[in-house]
Protein backbone atom coordinates (compact mmCIF):
# COMPACT_ATOMS: atom_id res chain seq x y z
CA MET A 1 49.45 9.47 -13.16
CA THR A 2 46.55 7.09 -13.74
CA THR A 3 44.08 6.14 -11.01
CA ALA A 4 42.08 2.97 -10.52
CA HIS A 5 38.82 4.89 -10.38
CA PRO A 6 37.71 7.92 -12.38
CA ARG A 7 37.37 11.24 -10.64
CA ARG A 8 33.67 12.08 -10.24
CA SER A 9 31.49 14.52 -8.36
CA GLY A 10 29.56 13.21 -5.38
CA ALA A 11 26.37 13.58 -7.42
CA GLN A 12 27.79 11.46 -10.24
CA VAL A 13 28.88 8.80 -7.76
CA LEU A 14 25.37 8.82 -6.25
CA ILE A 15 23.55 8.37 -9.55
CA ASP A 16 26.02 5.69 -10.63
CA GLN A 17 25.24 3.74 -7.44
CA LEU A 18 21.49 4.01 -8.01
CA ARG A 19 21.97 2.64 -11.52
CA ILE A 20 24.16 -0.22 -10.24
CA HIS A 21 21.42 -1.18 -7.76
CA GLY A 22 18.88 -1.41 -10.56
CA THR A 23 17.07 1.91 -10.21
CA ASP A 24 15.17 2.66 -13.40
CA THR A 25 12.73 5.30 -12.13
CA ILE A 26 12.98 8.19 -9.68
CA PHE A 27 9.94 10.18 -8.56
CA GLY A 28 10.57 13.70 -7.35
CA VAL A 29 10.10 17.44 -7.26
CA PRO A 30 13.21 19.42 -8.28
CA GLY A 31 14.96 21.55 -5.68
CA GLU A 32 18.01 23.77 -5.50
CA SER A 33 19.55 21.61 -2.80
CA TYR A 34 20.22 18.78 -5.24
CA LEU A 35 20.85 20.55 -8.55
CA ALA A 36 24.12 18.65 -8.96
CA ALA A 37 22.23 15.35 -8.71
CA LEU A 38 19.70 16.53 -11.30
CA ASP A 39 22.61 17.32 -13.60
CA ALA A 40 24.05 13.85 -13.02
CA LEU A 41 20.62 12.39 -13.80
CA TYR A 42 20.65 14.27 -17.09
CA ALA A 43 23.68 12.23 -18.10
CA GLN A 44 21.78 9.03 -17.22
CA ARG A 45 18.43 10.12 -18.65
CA ASN A 46 18.32 7.16 -21.05
CA SER A 47 18.69 4.60 -18.26
CA ILE A 48 16.97 6.28 -15.28
CA ARG A 49 13.61 7.94 -15.81
CA TYR A 50 12.89 11.02 -13.67
CA VAL A 51 9.14 11.43 -13.10
CA ILE A 52 8.44 15.09 -12.39
CA CYS A 53 5.69 15.39 -9.78
CA ARG A 54 3.71 18.38 -8.57
CA GLN A 55 4.07 17.94 -4.81
CA GLU A 56 6.45 15.88 -2.71
CA GLY A 57 3.61 14.01 -0.98
CA GLY A 58 2.50 12.76 -4.39
CA ALA A 59 6.07 11.88 -5.34
CA ALA A 60 6.63 9.88 -2.14
CA ASN A 61 3.34 8.03 -2.60
CA MET A 62 4.38 7.19 -6.16
CA ALA A 63 7.69 5.80 -4.94
CA GLU A 64 5.88 3.76 -2.30
CA ALA A 65 3.46 2.37 -4.89
CA TYR A 66 6.40 1.51 -7.17
CA GLY A 67 7.99 -0.40 -4.28
CA LYS A 68 4.78 -2.33 -3.66
CA LEU A 69 4.33 -3.15 -7.33
CA THR A 70 7.88 -4.21 -8.19
CA GLY A 71 9.38 -5.39 -4.92
CA LYS A 72 12.34 -3.09 -5.62
CA PRO A 73 12.92 0.05 -3.54
CA GLY A 74 10.93 2.97 -4.87
CA VAL A 75 13.25 5.98 -5.04
CA CYS A 76 12.04 9.50 -4.30
CA PHE A 77 14.16 12.68 -4.54
CA VAL A 78 13.04 15.83 -2.71
CA THR A 79 14.55 19.05 -1.55
CA ARG A 80 15.24 20.03 2.04
CA GLY A 81 12.80 21.41 4.63
CA PRO A 82 9.34 21.81 3.06
CA GLY A 83 10.10 19.19 0.43
CA ALA A 84 11.08 16.61 3.04
CA THR A 85 8.14 17.37 5.31
CA ASN A 86 5.72 17.03 2.40
CA ALA A 87 7.27 13.66 1.54
CA SER A 88 6.84 12.31 5.06
CA ILE A 89 3.33 10.99 4.33
CA GLY A 90 4.63 8.53 1.73
CA LEU A 91 7.46 7.53 4.03
CA HIS A 92 5.02 6.78 6.87
CA THR A 93 2.89 4.68 4.53
CA GLY A 94 5.98 2.79 3.40
CA PHE A 95 6.89 2.05 7.01
CA GLN A 96 3.45 0.81 8.08
CA ASP A 97 2.96 -1.11 4.82
CA SER A 98 6.43 -2.74 4.92
CA THR A 99 7.36 -1.36 1.49
CA PRO A 100 10.97 -0.99 0.33
CA MET A 101 11.66 2.67 -0.40
CA ILE A 102 14.55 5.15 -0.43
CA LEU A 103 13.96 8.84 0.19
CA LEU A 104 16.84 11.07 -0.93
CA VAL A 105 16.72 14.54 0.63
CA GLY A 106 18.80 17.53 -0.37
CA GLN A 107 20.41 19.14 2.68
CA VAL A 108 22.06 22.45 3.51
CA GLY A 109 25.80 22.74 2.97
CA ARG A 110 28.03 21.22 5.63
CA GLU A 111 29.45 24.56 6.77
CA GLN A 112 25.90 25.65 7.66
CA PHE A 113 25.00 22.72 9.94
CA ASP A 114 23.38 23.45 13.32
CA ARG A 115 22.66 27.14 12.61
CA GLU A 116 19.02 26.62 11.59
CA ALA A 117 20.06 27.63 8.11
CA PHE A 118 17.50 28.15 5.37
CA GLN A 119 15.19 25.10 5.43
CA GLU A 120 17.59 23.14 7.64
CA ILE A 121 16.21 20.09 9.49
CA ASP A 122 17.94 17.27 11.34
CA TYR A 123 16.50 14.35 9.39
CA ARG A 124 17.70 11.72 11.84
CA ARG A 125 15.42 13.25 14.44
CA MET A 126 12.61 14.06 12.04
CA PHE A 127 12.32 10.65 10.38
CA GLY A 128 13.68 8.49 13.19
CA GLN A 129 10.38 6.74 13.99
CA MET A 130 9.02 6.45 10.46
CA ALA A 131 11.98 4.88 8.69
CA LYS A 132 14.12 1.78 9.15
CA TRP A 133 17.28 3.88 8.96
CA VAL A 134 18.23 7.53 8.49
CA ALA A 135 21.73 8.66 7.57
CA GLN A 136 23.49 11.77 6.30
CA ILE A 137 26.34 11.42 3.82
CA GLU A 138 28.96 13.99 4.75
CA ASP A 139 31.87 12.50 2.81
CA ALA A 140 31.37 11.80 -0.89
CA ARG A 141 33.83 8.92 -0.68
CA ARG A 142 31.31 7.04 1.48
CA ILE A 143 28.46 7.30 -1.02
CA PRO A 144 28.89 3.75 -2.46
CA GLU A 145 29.02 2.26 1.04
CA LEU A 146 26.00 4.12 2.42
CA VAL A 147 23.82 3.78 -0.68
CA SER A 148 24.55 0.05 -0.64
CA GLN A 149 23.57 -0.06 3.01
CA ALA A 150 20.36 1.83 2.22
CA PHE A 151 19.27 -0.72 -0.39
CA HIS A 152 20.14 -3.66 1.86
CA ARG A 153 18.27 -2.18 4.82
CA ALA A 154 15.22 -1.33 2.71
CA LEU A 155 14.92 -4.91 1.44
CA ASN A 156 16.23 -7.29 4.11
CA GLY A 157 14.15 -8.47 7.04
CA ARG A 158 10.87 -6.59 7.15
CA PRO A 159 11.02 -4.33 4.06
CA GLY A 160 10.64 -0.62 4.65
CA PRO A 161 11.81 2.91 3.88
CA VAL A 162 15.21 4.46 4.51
CA VAL A 163 16.33 8.08 4.25
CA LEU A 164 19.61 9.55 3.03
CA ALA A 165 20.29 13.27 3.56
CA LEU A 166 22.66 14.77 1.02
CA PRO A 167 24.45 18.04 1.88
CA GLU A 168 24.47 20.32 -1.15
CA ASP A 169 28.23 20.92 -1.19
CA MET A 170 29.00 17.22 -0.70
CA LEU A 171 27.30 16.51 -4.03
CA THR A 172 29.76 18.79 -5.85
CA ASP A 173 32.93 17.41 -4.20
CA GLU A 174 35.29 15.65 -6.61
CA VAL A 175 36.39 12.22 -5.36
CA GLU A 176 38.02 9.00 -6.51
CA VAL A 177 36.13 6.01 -5.15
CA ALA A 178 35.23 2.49 -6.20
CA ASP A 179 31.63 1.57 -6.95
CA ALA A 180 29.76 -0.94 -4.82
CA GLY A 181 28.21 -4.04 -6.33
CA PRO A 182 24.44 -4.53 -6.65
CA TYR A 183 22.51 -5.39 -3.50
CA LYS A 184 21.80 -8.98 -2.47
CA ILE A 185 18.68 -9.99 -0.56
CA ALA A 186 19.03 -12.30 2.44
CA ARG A 187 15.88 -14.01 3.74
CA GLY A 188 15.38 -16.32 6.68
CA ALA A 189 13.85 -19.76 6.14
CA PRO A 190 11.85 -22.11 8.37
CA SER A 191 13.71 -25.02 9.89
CA ALA A 192 12.69 -28.63 9.36
CA ALA A 193 11.62 -28.68 13.02
CA ASP A 194 9.40 -25.64 12.46
CA MET A 195 7.62 -27.31 9.54
CA ALA A 196 7.25 -30.58 11.43
CA THR A 197 5.68 -28.76 14.37
CA LEU A 198 3.38 -26.83 12.03
CA ARG A 199 2.23 -30.04 10.36
CA GLY A 200 1.55 -31.62 13.74
CA MET A 201 -0.55 -28.63 14.82
CA LEU A 202 -2.51 -28.76 11.55
CA ALA A 203 -3.10 -32.50 11.93
CA GLU A 204 -4.75 -31.88 15.32
CA ALA A 205 -6.85 -28.88 14.29
CA LYS A 206 -10.56 -28.92 13.48
CA GLN A 207 -11.17 -25.31 12.40
CA PRO A 208 -7.89 -23.77 11.21
CA MET A 209 -7.75 -20.41 9.43
CA VAL A 210 -4.96 -18.81 7.38
CA ILE A 211 -4.28 -15.05 7.35
CA LEU A 212 -1.99 -13.82 4.57
CA GLY A 213 -0.46 -10.34 4.66
CA GLY A 214 2.57 -8.12 5.01
CA GLY A 215 5.38 -7.27 2.62
CA GLY A 216 8.11 -9.24 0.90
CA TRP A 217 5.86 -11.42 -1.27
CA SER A 218 6.47 -12.38 -4.89
CA ARG A 219 4.27 -13.86 -7.60
CA GLU A 220 6.03 -17.19 -7.14
CA ALA A 221 5.53 -17.14 -3.37
CA CYS A 222 1.82 -16.48 -3.86
CA ALA A 223 1.60 -19.44 -6.26
CA ASP A 224 3.36 -21.69 -3.74
CA MET A 225 1.03 -20.52 -0.98
CA ALA A 226 -2.02 -21.19 -3.16
CA ALA A 227 -0.76 -24.74 -3.74
CA PHE A 228 -0.27 -25.22 0.03
CA VAL A 229 -3.78 -24.10 0.98
CA GLU A 230 -5.31 -26.15 -1.85
CA ALA A 231 -3.48 -29.31 -0.81
CA ASN A 232 -4.60 -28.92 2.79
CA GLY A 233 -8.08 -27.53 2.08
CA LEU A 234 -7.46 -24.45 4.23
CA PRO A 235 -9.74 -21.39 4.37
CA VAL A 236 -7.78 -18.22 3.63
CA THR A 237 -8.40 -14.64 4.65
CA THR A 238 -6.13 -11.67 4.07
CA ALA A 239 -4.90 -8.82 6.22
CA PHE A 240 -6.16 -5.27 5.70
CA ARG A 241 -5.55 -4.18 2.09
CA ASN A 242 -3.59 -7.32 1.25
CA GLN A 243 -6.44 -8.91 -0.70
CA ASP A 244 -4.31 -9.58 -3.79
CA LEU A 245 -2.15 -12.29 -2.17
CA LEU A 246 -4.67 -14.93 -3.29
CA ASP A 247 -7.05 -14.66 -6.23
CA ASN A 248 -10.36 -13.78 -4.58
CA ARG A 249 -12.13 -16.13 -7.01
CA HIS A 250 -10.18 -19.06 -5.54
CA PRO A 251 -12.49 -21.49 -3.69
CA ASN A 252 -10.30 -21.28 -0.58
CA PHE A 253 -10.58 -17.48 -0.29
CA VAL A 254 -13.14 -16.52 2.36
CA GLY A 255 -12.79 -12.74 2.64
CA ASP A 256 -10.56 -10.01 3.99
CA LEU A 257 -9.95 -8.59 7.43
CA GLY A 258 -9.95 -4.91 8.22
CA ILE A 259 -12.38 -2.10 8.82
CA GLY A 260 -15.95 -3.36 8.43
CA VAL A 261 -15.08 -7.07 8.40
CA ASN A 262 -17.90 -9.38 7.35
CA PRO A 263 -19.45 -10.41 10.73
CA PRO A 264 -19.60 -14.16 9.94
CA LEU A 265 -15.91 -14.13 9.04
CA GLY A 266 -15.04 -12.38 12.29
CA LYS A 267 -16.98 -15.02 14.21
CA ARG A 268 -15.25 -17.86 12.39
CA LEU A 269 -11.86 -16.44 13.31
CA LYS A 270 -12.86 -16.17 16.96
CA ASP A 271 -14.18 -19.75 16.90
CA SER A 272 -11.15 -21.20 15.10
CA ASP A 273 -8.76 -23.53 16.90
CA LEU A 274 -5.59 -22.69 14.92
CA ILE A 275 -4.46 -19.47 13.27
CA LEU A 276 -1.72 -19.47 10.64
CA ALA A 277 -0.72 -15.81 10.25
CA ILE A 278 1.70 -15.80 7.34
CA GLY A 279 3.32 -12.41 6.80
CA PRO A 280 1.06 -9.88 8.56
CA ARG A 281 2.08 -7.85 11.60
CA LEU A 282 -1.38 -8.48 13.13
CA GLY A 283 -1.95 -4.77 13.62
CA GLU A 284 -4.99 -2.82 14.70
CA ALA A 285 -6.92 -2.83 11.40
CA THR A 286 -6.40 -6.54 10.72
CA THR A 287 -7.41 -7.61 14.23
CA GLY A 288 -10.44 -5.33 14.61
CA GLY A 289 -8.73 -3.05 17.11
CA TYR A 290 -6.99 -6.02 18.76
CA THR A 291 -10.35 -7.63 19.58
CA LEU A 292 -10.37 -10.71 17.31
CA PHE A 293 -7.71 -12.43 19.42
CA ASP A 294 -7.03 -12.33 23.15
CA LEU A 295 -4.03 -10.29 24.32
CA PRO A 296 -1.24 -11.14 24.72
CA VAL A 297 -1.90 -14.88 24.25
CA PRO A 298 -4.68 -15.79 21.81
CA LYS A 299 -6.98 -18.58 22.97
CA GLN A 300 -6.33 -20.29 19.62
CA PRO A 301 -2.81 -21.60 19.02
CA LEU A 302 -1.10 -19.05 16.79
CA VAL A 303 1.55 -19.80 14.18
CA HIS A 304 3.08 -16.47 13.24
CA VAL A 305 5.44 -16.31 10.25
CA HIS A 306 7.27 -13.04 9.70
CA ALA A 307 10.46 -11.86 8.02
CA SER A 308 11.46 -9.77 11.03
CA ALA A 309 12.26 -11.44 14.35
CA GLU A 310 11.33 -8.18 16.10
CA GLU A 311 7.70 -8.58 15.00
CA LEU A 312 7.34 -12.03 16.51
CA GLY A 313 5.86 -11.62 19.98
CA ARG A 314 5.57 -7.86 19.59
CA VAL A 315 1.82 -7.89 20.23
CA TYR A 316 0.67 -11.50 20.27
CA GLN A 317 2.59 -14.43 21.69
CA ALA A 318 2.68 -17.22 19.14
CA ALA A 319 2.66 -20.89 20.02
CA LEU A 320 4.97 -21.30 17.04
CA PRO A 321 6.89 -18.21 15.87
CA ILE A 322 8.72 -18.69 12.57
CA ASN A 323 11.26 -16.13 11.38
CA SER A 324 11.22 -16.52 7.61
CA GLY A 325 10.89 -14.66 4.36
CA MET A 326 7.63 -15.27 2.54
CA ALA A 327 9.16 -17.01 -0.47
CA ASN A 328 11.18 -19.45 1.62
CA PHE A 329 8.26 -20.28 3.87
CA ALA A 330 5.89 -20.73 0.92
CA VAL A 331 8.30 -23.16 -0.75
CA ALA A 332 8.59 -25.18 2.47
CA ALA A 333 4.82 -25.14 3.00
CA ARG A 334 4.19 -26.37 -0.53
CA ALA A 335 6.68 -29.20 -0.04
CA MET A 336 5.12 -30.25 3.29
CA LYS A 337 3.15 -33.50 3.20
CA PRO A 338 -0.52 -32.46 3.28
CA VAL A 339 -2.76 -33.30 6.20
CA ASP A 340 -6.31 -34.60 5.95
CA GLY A 341 -8.42 -31.47 5.53
CA SER A 342 -11.76 -33.26 5.41
CA ARG A 343 -12.44 -32.29 9.05
CA TRP A 344 -12.76 -28.63 8.14
CA LYS A 345 -14.21 -28.99 4.64
CA ALA A 346 -17.67 -27.92 5.84
CA ASN A 347 -16.17 -24.89 7.58
CA LEU A 348 -14.35 -23.89 4.37
CA GLU A 349 -17.47 -24.29 2.25
CA GLY A 350 -19.56 -22.33 4.75
CA ALA A 351 -17.01 -19.53 4.95
CA ARG A 352 -16.79 -19.35 1.16
CA ALA A 353 -20.58 -19.17 0.90
CA ASP A 354 -20.60 -16.34 3.47
CA TYR A 355 -18.04 -14.49 1.37
CA LEU A 356 -19.97 -14.87 -1.89
CA LYS A 357 -23.15 -13.68 -0.20
CA ASN A 358 -21.28 -10.67 1.21
CA ILE A 359 -20.17 -9.45 -2.22
CA GLU A 360 -23.66 -9.46 -3.74
CA PRO A 361 -24.72 -5.84 -4.48
CA ASN A 362 -27.35 -4.44 -2.14
CA GLU A 363 -29.81 -1.59 -2.20
CA GLN A 364 -28.41 1.86 -1.49
CA PRO A 365 -30.10 5.24 -1.09
CA GLY A 366 -29.91 7.67 -4.00
CA ALA A 367 -29.67 7.36 -7.76
CA VAL A 368 -26.10 6.04 -7.75
CA ASN A 369 -25.48 2.61 -6.23
CA VAL A 370 -21.75 2.13 -5.73
CA THR A 371 -22.20 -1.55 -4.85
CA GLU A 372 -23.60 -2.21 -8.33
CA ILE A 373 -20.92 -0.10 -10.01
CA VAL A 374 -18.11 -2.00 -8.29
CA ALA A 375 -19.81 -5.30 -9.14
CA TRP A 376 -19.92 -4.21 -12.79
CA LEU A 377 -16.23 -3.30 -12.73
CA ASN A 378 -15.54 -6.68 -11.15
CA LYS A 379 -16.81 -8.28 -14.37
CA ARG A 380 -15.43 -5.65 -16.78
CA LEU A 381 -11.80 -5.22 -15.72
CA PRO A 382 -9.15 -7.56 -17.16
CA ASP A 383 -7.50 -10.04 -14.83
CA ASP A 384 -4.23 -8.07 -14.76
CA ALA A 385 -5.86 -4.73 -13.93
CA ILE A 386 -4.42 -2.70 -11.05
CA VAL A 387 -6.91 -1.04 -8.72
CA THR A 388 -5.75 1.69 -6.34
CA ASN A 389 -7.39 3.70 -3.59
CA GLY A 390 -6.64 5.96 -0.68
CA ALA A 391 -8.62 6.09 2.56
CA GLY A 392 -12.24 6.80 3.36
CA ASN A 393 -15.61 5.07 3.60
CA TYR A 394 -15.79 4.87 -0.19
CA ALA A 395 -12.87 2.41 -0.16
CA ALA A 396 -14.90 -0.09 1.88
CA PHE A 397 -17.30 -0.46 -1.07
CA LEU A 398 -14.34 -1.33 -3.29
CA HIS A 399 -12.76 -3.77 -0.84
CA ARG A 400 -16.04 -5.55 -0.19
CA PHE A 401 -17.45 -5.91 -3.71
CA PHE A 402 -14.37 -6.13 -5.94
CA GLN A 403 -12.49 -9.41 -6.37
CA TYR A 404 -8.75 -8.85 -6.70
CA ARG A 405 -7.36 -11.29 -9.21
CA GLY A 406 -3.84 -11.87 -8.01
CA PHE A 407 -0.46 -10.55 -7.01
CA LYS A 408 -0.20 -6.77 -7.16
CA SER A 409 -3.66 -6.08 -8.48
CA GLN A 410 -4.29 -3.94 -5.36
CA LEU A 411 -2.38 -0.83 -4.31
CA ALA A 412 -3.80 0.67 -1.13
CA PRO A 413 -2.32 2.07 2.10
CA THR A 414 -2.63 -0.06 5.22
CA SER A 415 -1.50 3.13 6.97
CA GLY A 416 -4.93 4.62 6.19
CA ALA A 417 -3.44 7.65 4.45
CA MET A 418 -5.78 9.79 2.37
CA GLY A 419 -4.54 11.05 -0.98
CA TYR A 420 -2.73 7.81 -1.86
CA GLY A 421 -4.84 6.40 -4.69
CA VAL A 422 -4.23 9.05 -7.37
CA PRO A 423 -0.41 9.13 -7.22
CA ALA A 424 -0.33 5.35 -6.77
CA SER A 425 -2.32 4.93 -9.97
CA VAL A 426 0.03 7.23 -11.87
CA ALA A 427 3.08 5.31 -10.65
CA ALA A 428 1.41 2.00 -11.51
CA LYS A 429 0.61 3.06 -15.08
CA ILE A 430 4.13 4.45 -15.62
CA THR A 431 5.65 1.25 -14.22
CA ALA A 432 3.27 -1.18 -15.97
CA PRO A 433 1.93 0.71 -19.02
CA HIS A 434 0.44 -2.47 -20.53
CA ARG A 435 -1.95 -2.95 -17.59
CA MET A 436 -5.26 -1.17 -17.08
CA VAL A 437 -5.15 1.02 -13.97
CA VAL A 438 -8.29 2.21 -12.20
CA SER A 439 -8.26 4.39 -9.09
CA PHE A 440 -11.03 5.07 -6.59
CA ALA A 441 -10.93 8.28 -4.56
CA GLY A 442 -13.36 10.05 -2.30
CA ASP A 443 -14.02 13.72 -2.89
CA GLY A 444 -11.90 14.62 0.14
CA CYS A 445 -9.25 12.00 -0.66
CA PHE A 446 -8.89 13.07 -4.30
CA LEU A 447 -8.07 16.71 -3.58
CA MET A 448 -5.31 15.77 -1.16
CA ASN A 449 -3.17 14.75 -4.14
CA GLY A 450 -5.37 15.57 -7.13
CA GLN A 451 -2.60 17.76 -8.53
CA GLU A 452 -0.84 14.60 -9.64
CA PHE A 453 -3.45 14.30 -12.40
CA ALA A 454 -1.17 16.81 -14.11
CA THR A 455 1.69 14.31 -13.73
CA ALA A 456 -0.49 11.66 -15.36
CA VAL A 457 -1.16 13.95 -18.34
CA GLN A 458 2.49 15.02 -18.67
CA HIS A 459 3.80 11.45 -18.61
CA GLY A 460 1.00 9.86 -20.64
CA ALA A 461 -0.21 7.69 -17.75
CA ASN A 462 -3.72 6.92 -18.99
CA VAL A 463 -5.43 6.03 -15.73
CA VAL A 464 -9.16 6.10 -15.01
CA ILE A 465 -9.97 7.78 -11.69
CA VAL A 466 -13.43 7.37 -10.16
CA VAL A 467 -14.15 10.20 -7.71
CA VAL A 468 -16.91 9.20 -5.29
CA ASP A 469 -18.45 12.53 -4.29
CA ASN A 470 -20.81 12.63 -1.32
CA GLY A 471 -19.97 16.19 -0.28
CA MET A 472 -18.30 15.34 3.01
CA TYR A 473 -15.43 13.67 4.80
CA GLY A 474 -17.49 10.48 5.07
CA THR A 475 -15.45 8.48 7.56
CA ILE A 476 -15.17 11.36 10.02
CA ARG A 477 -18.87 12.14 9.54
CA MET A 478 -19.59 8.49 10.39
CA HIS A 479 -17.62 8.74 13.64
CA GLN A 480 -19.23 12.10 14.34
CA GLU A 481 -22.75 10.72 13.94
CA ARG A 482 -21.89 7.77 16.16
CA GLU A 483 -20.38 9.81 18.98
CA TYR A 484 -22.08 13.21 18.60
CA PRO A 485 -25.26 12.64 16.56
CA THR A 486 -26.88 15.71 14.93
CA ARG A 487 -23.88 17.91 15.91
CA VAL A 488 -22.37 18.06 12.42
CA HIS A 489 -19.38 20.37 12.27
CA GLY A 490 -16.24 20.55 10.17
CA THR A 491 -16.99 17.61 7.86
CA GLU A 492 -18.99 19.25 5.02
CA LEU A 493 -17.30 19.78 1.64
CA ARG A 494 -18.12 22.06 -1.28
CA ASN A 495 -16.63 20.42 -4.31
CA PRO A 496 -15.63 21.48 -7.81
CA ASP A 497 -16.81 19.89 -11.05
CA PHE A 498 -14.29 17.05 -11.14
CA ALA A 499 -15.00 16.24 -14.80
CA ALA A 500 -14.19 19.85 -15.72
CA TYR A 501 -11.07 19.58 -13.55
CA ALA A 502 -9.93 16.67 -15.72
CA ARG A 503 -10.56 18.56 -18.94
CA ALA A 504 -8.71 21.62 -17.62
CA PHE A 505 -5.54 19.50 -17.35
CA GLY A 506 -5.99 18.04 -20.82
CA GLY A 507 -7.62 14.83 -19.67
CA HIS A 508 -11.03 13.30 -20.21
CA GLY A 509 -13.94 14.03 -17.86
CA GLU A 510 -17.28 12.32 -17.25
CA THR A 511 -20.09 13.03 -14.79
CA VAL A 512 -22.33 10.21 -13.58
CA ASP A 513 -25.40 10.78 -11.42
CA LYS A 514 -27.27 7.54 -12.22
CA THR A 515 -26.04 3.96 -11.85
CA ALA A 516 -27.17 3.02 -15.34
CA ASP A 517 -24.93 5.70 -16.89
CA PHE A 518 -21.67 4.45 -15.41
CA ALA A 519 -20.82 1.65 -17.85
CA ALA A 520 -20.99 3.88 -20.93
CA ALA A 521 -19.06 6.64 -19.16
CA PHE A 522 -16.33 4.17 -18.19
CA GLU A 523 -16.02 2.85 -21.75
CA ARG A 524 -15.72 6.41 -23.09
CA ALA A 525 -13.04 7.14 -20.49
CA VAL A 526 -11.03 4.10 -21.57
CA ALA A 527 -11.50 4.85 -25.27
CA ALA A 528 -10.33 8.46 -24.81
CA ALA A 529 -6.75 7.15 -24.47
CA LYS A 530 -5.84 9.87 -22.01
CA PRO A 531 -6.00 10.24 -18.23
CA ALA A 532 -9.66 10.38 -17.21
CA ILE A 533 -11.83 11.28 -14.24
CA ILE A 534 -15.35 9.96 -13.70
CA HIS A 535 -17.20 12.23 -11.26
CA LEU A 536 -19.59 9.91 -9.43
CA LYS A 537 -22.22 11.87 -7.48
CA THR A 538 -23.54 9.81 -4.57
CA ASP A 539 -26.13 10.37 -1.86
CA PRO A 540 -24.66 11.30 1.56
CA GLU A 541 -27.14 8.81 3.05
CA ALA A 542 -25.07 5.99 1.50
CA LEU A 543 -22.60 6.24 4.35
CA THR A 544 -21.29 2.67 4.17
CA SER A 545 -22.30 -0.51 2.39
CA ARG A 546 -23.97 -1.72 5.59
CA ILE A 547 -25.69 1.30 7.17
CA THR A 548 -27.20 4.63 6.12
CA LEU A 549 -26.38 7.94 7.73
CA SER A 550 -29.91 8.29 9.16
CA LYS A 551 -29.89 4.78 10.60
CA LEU A 552 -26.54 5.33 12.28
CA ARG A 553 -27.79 8.60 13.78
CA GLU A 554 -30.95 6.89 14.98
CA GLN A 555 -28.94 4.15 16.68
CA SER A 556 -26.60 6.69 18.29
CA LEU A 557 -29.47 8.77 19.69
CA ALA A 558 -31.17 5.66 21.07
CA ARG A 559 -27.92 4.59 22.75
CA GLN A 560 -27.51 8.02 24.32
CA LYS A 561 -31.03 7.86 25.73
CA LEU A 562 -30.28 4.51 27.35
CA ASN A 563 -27.16 5.93 28.94
């Protein structure tokens, strides 16, 4: 008797669905709970690449970076229990950064449910608040349906991560089931009335400002948005770690929002009379701890465009909320008849001048000046270079002094997760091998996922990682000095020789302790044609690009005396 569909194991059905939905890369750490899936991947090894990582946190961050870079869901495969808990950091970043991502978790066999079996966790409860959707596939015949749902949920509306738990015995079940078709993306679009109202508000404004951010953008959408702001002469700023949505060399770009915002830019936003927030959630980092705009109704009329209706009015009440995908809104904005932007031309030119002044290198304590090094890289890197980083004070030097050239030249976690930059750089180089990839990491940040340097070597991902070493958890030390000056505790670090670390893995290592030595060290790292680490030894006094450690302590002590 013939059947309409071939008999396959659950694992084979699963991998077939991933291939149908366009998956070409999976990041993971192997585990016994999904051996059957690994075997099914072996059969598809010429069409789906399996990137073997050294820790599930690194694997999840790689999948998240892949999702940011490509717009397709980054897929991560981990084992149950410890594997899933390690991967949670990348999942949380994907949620806060609105990145499409699918986490596949091996699970205990179905007959062992609810006994606290070896490494058993209820993933619906565990991941419930850090994923768009969590499901467990208990019947192999439902794999096509639920995998299809996972891709659609990850991509539609506000993009984000989803989780599928896969019982070990379900993956070995033999079933006859039809495949699903590839996913289709549905995006909202602004109505004609929305665009007419927006144009009317722009026509009446005197100091409008645009904030670009969020997920769901494409290269074409960014081009349409650039045409819109050019036609209307609008000053553009970007949400925290979304600086690559408009070429920072564009005359309408006036800086980025986030931690350590340029004070003149913050003032201009407060003094503006119309805010066009296109894509961002307007979260804590972008709004300076919810201080840039009044809560819940900003004093400036707010136009808030977002792909998810649930985000509109969540924190700030908009005068004009528009539920739309970024591409559809950008097309409509480009097609809109421009208004006369001459009224705010002086404001745009002044804001641009403030920005250019802000990115000029400044004096820093010690023999290594990171502001000058970033300014040199700003001139040296090709326009299509990808720059990644994790979290820490060192990243503020990068964000302030580097000009991101365009769409997906920046991979950084708006979630503020340390340990992101190294795995993100590896994923970027594997995904786009023709592009130069440079990663910045603090000494504390690097060692949170530094093991993925081994992944870079194994997979030939020739990244250049700059480790900024000041011998401490700099951001926490900054807060410590501000709140408890002179009472330093728990923030000092004793670090290894990071250049030797690179060589131990088979990579290239350089040590730089003077600014003038960086350029030659960087060129040697690139020429080595292997993954490289540049160990940049900085003075702890260079706490931020705006204040030294001693000055911050002095200010904190003076404030305490006044109180």
